[in-house]
Structures are given as C-alpha cells and as structure tokens.
C-alpha cells in the first residue's frame, strides 16, 4: 500500500508565503552588493554551475540551512550571525519560501525571499554570472 501524504508541498509553500516577505524580482536587483543584505542562494551546486549565480550571493544548500543558521551547531556559519537582512532564493521560489519560513521560525530576522526565483531573475534581466565552468549566456 502506498504512503498517504497528508500535507503536500503546494500547501506547505502556500502557508510559508503567508508568513514571509516576498520581494518583487526587479526590486531585488537593487540588493546586489548592499552591505546590509545577504542574498542566500539555496540551489544545488549543479544548478548554479548550469544556470549561473547572482554576483556576491552566499551559497547555502537547502539541506544545510538549519545547521548553518544555528550558532549551537558544529556547522554554524558566522555569516548567519551578522546583523543583516537575509534574502533567500532558489530556481523558482518554492524552496526559498520554505527556507525563509524556516529561518524566520528559527529566529533569524529580517528574512525574505525573491519572487519567481533565479529563473525569473534572469528572465527579467537581473545581473548574473556564470561559474568558472560555464560562460555567461
């Protein structure tokens, strides 16, 4: 007998979106290079190598987020202890909604995520660069 999932990803993302700030994509362009903001890329490294990255964004895979945020974790990253705004993004804004919700529930603040994710960012002309393994398109 197959598993019966009682809470699906769509409902989880919808609930997260009600709790977090969503920054319109074009407004987020102005956040690149700001000293008071950390853009947090939670995509897998393979996605970054294939599709590119936002200049200056900090990479934290979704699977390590809770461990890197928590100062009591042996994996804690000091960047998450800085007094800055943390703006999460992924490819399509689903993982980043869940990541921002999780970070906010953990006490990190302020947090937000970027509407439409990196795919919309690129489509709307946001600055990006390719990994050393790729070329800018």
Protein backbone atom coordinates (compact mmCIF):
# COMPACT_ATOMS: atom_id res chain seq x y z
CA UNK A 1 0.00 0.00 0.00
CA UNK A 2 1.48 3.41 -0.96
CA UNK A 3 2.16 6.13 1.57
CA UNK A 4 -0.62 8.65 2.15
CA UNK A 5 0.80 12.17 2.23
CA UNK A 6 -1.41 14.45 4.32
CA UNK A 7 0.46 17.72 3.74
CA UNK A 8 1.73 18.33 0.22
CA UNK A 9 4.44 20.67 -0.98
CA UNK A 10 1.96 23.13 -2.53
CA UNK A 11 0.13 23.59 0.75
CA UNK A 12 3.45 23.95 2.59
CA UNK A 13 4.66 26.63 0.16
CA UNK A 14 1.30 28.44 0.30
CA UNK A 15 1.47 28.50 4.10
CA UNK A 16 5.06 29.75 4.04
CA UNK A 17 4.14 32.54 1.61
CA UNK A 18 1.58 33.84 4.12
CA UNK A 19 4.27 34.12 6.82
CA UNK A 20 7.20 35.62 4.93
CA UNK A 21 8.08 38.73 2.94
CA UNK A 22 8.29 38.30 -0.82
CA UNK A 23 10.42 40.85 -2.64
CA UNK A 24 9.39 41.57 -6.24
CA UNK A 25 12.10 40.38 -8.61
CA UNK A 26 13.01 43.76 -10.11
CA UNK A 27 13.13 45.36 -6.64
CA UNK A 28 15.59 42.65 -5.59
CA UNK A 29 18.04 43.74 -8.31
CA UNK A 30 18.94 46.73 -6.10
CA UNK A 31 20.01 44.39 -3.27
CA UNK A 32 23.10 43.12 -5.11
CA UNK A 33 26.24 44.41 -3.41
CA UNK A 34 24.48 46.04 -0.45
CA UNK A 35 26.32 45.85 2.87
CA UNK A 36 23.11 45.39 4.87
CA UNK A 37 21.77 42.43 2.89
CA UNK A 38 22.87 38.85 2.29
CA UNK A 39 21.43 37.15 -0.78
CA UNK A 40 21.31 33.44 0.08
CA UNK A 41 21.30 31.01 -2.84
CA UNK A 42 19.88 27.70 -1.67
CA UNK A 43 20.08 25.92 -5.02
CA UNK A 44 22.16 22.80 -5.54
CA UNK A 45 25.70 23.44 -6.83
CA UNK A 46 24.79 21.69 -10.09
CA UNK A 47 22.05 24.26 -10.71
CA UNK A 48 24.50 27.09 -10.07
CA UNK A 49 27.07 25.64 -12.45
CA UNK A 50 24.44 25.10 -15.12
CA UNK A 51 22.43 28.32 -14.78
CA UNK A 52 24.75 30.88 -13.17
CA UNK A 53 24.68 32.88 -9.96
CA UNK A 54 23.83 36.30 -8.61
CA UNK A 55 27.08 38.22 -8.04
CA UNK A 56 28.07 38.18 -4.37
CA UNK A 57 25.33 35.77 -3.27
CA UNK A 58 26.17 33.40 -0.43
CA UNK A 59 25.60 29.74 -1.29
CA UNK A 60 23.93 27.52 1.31
CA UNK A 61 22.24 24.36 0.11
CA UNK A 62 18.76 23.83 1.49
CA UNK A 63 19.87 20.68 3.29
CA UNK A 64 22.37 22.55 5.49
CA UNK A 65 20.33 25.67 6.21
CA UNK A 66 19.18 24.87 9.75
CA UNK A 67 22.66 23.69 10.74
CA UNK A 68 24.41 26.75 9.31
CA UNK A 69 21.97 29.19 10.98
CA UNK A 70 22.05 27.66 14.48
CA UNK A 71 25.00 29.07 16.47
CA UNK A 72 24.97 25.92 18.63
CA UNK A 73 25.53 23.69 15.62
CA UNK A 74 29.04 22.45 14.84
CA UNK A 75 28.31 23.52 11.24
CA UNK A 76 27.31 27.12 12.08
CA UNK A 77 28.41 29.76 9.57
CA UNK A 78 29.21 33.18 11.10
CA UNK A 79 27.52 35.00 8.21
CA UNK A 80 24.17 34.00 9.72
CA UNK A 81 25.06 35.80 12.98
CA UNK A 82 25.53 39.14 11.20
CA UNK A 83 23.03 41.97 11.68
CA UNK A 84 21.75 41.95 8.11
CA UNK A 85 18.65 41.11 6.12
CA UNK A 86 18.74 37.61 4.64
CA UNK A 87 17.04 37.26 1.27
CA UNK A 88 16.70 33.68 0.06
CA UNK A 89 16.29 32.48 -3.50
CA UNK A 90 16.19 29.22 -5.42
CA UNK A 91 15.27 28.42 -9.01
CA UNK A 92 11.53 29.00 -8.82
CA UNK A 93 10.73 30.45 -5.36
CA UNK A 94 9.31 27.30 -3.76
CA UNK A 95 12.37 26.10 -1.83
CA UNK A 96 13.24 29.67 -0.92
CA UNK A 97 9.77 30.26 0.54
CA UNK A 98 10.24 27.21 2.76
CA UNK A 99 13.81 28.26 3.62
CA UNK A 100 12.78 31.80 4.56
CA UNK A 101 9.94 30.44 6.69
CA UNK A 102 12.31 28.05 8.46
CA UNK A 103 14.94 30.76 9.04
CA UNK A 104 12.27 33.10 10.39
CA UNK A 105 10.90 30.41 12.71
CA UNK A 106 14.45 29.81 13.97
CA UNK A 107 14.67 33.49 14.93
CA UNK A 108 16.73 34.85 12.05
CA UNK A 109 15.44 38.29 11.12
CA UNK A 110 14.72 40.04 8.99
CA UNK A 111 14.31 37.49 6.20
CA UNK A 112 12.57 37.45 2.83
CA UNK A 113 12.69 35.63 -0.47
CA UNK A 114 12.74 36.70 -4.11
CA UNK A 115 9.56 36.37 -6.17
CA UNK A 116 9.94 33.88 -9.00
CA UNK A 117 13.45 32.78 -8.01
CA UNK A 118 16.58 32.82 -10.12
CA UNK A 119 14.75 31.81 -13.30
CA UNK A 120 12.57 34.95 -13.14
CA UNK A 121 15.63 36.98 -12.08
CA UNK A 122 17.42 36.03 -15.30
CA UNK A 123 14.29 36.41 -17.45
CA UNK A 124 13.77 39.98 -16.16
CA UNK A 125 17.39 40.98 -16.81
CA UNK A 126 18.92 40.73 -13.35
CA UNK A 127 22.70 40.66 -13.08
CA UNK A 128 24.20 37.20 -13.07
CA UNK A 129 27.48 35.48 -13.75
CA UNK A 130 28.44 32.01 -14.74
CA UNK A 131 30.56 29.66 -12.68
CA UNK A 132 34.14 29.18 -13.81
CA UNK A 133 32.93 26.06 -15.60
CA UNK A 134 30.43 27.93 -17.77
CA UNK A 135 30.07 31.02 -19.85
CA UNK A 136 27.63 33.89 -19.45
CA UNK A 137 24.70 33.48 -21.81
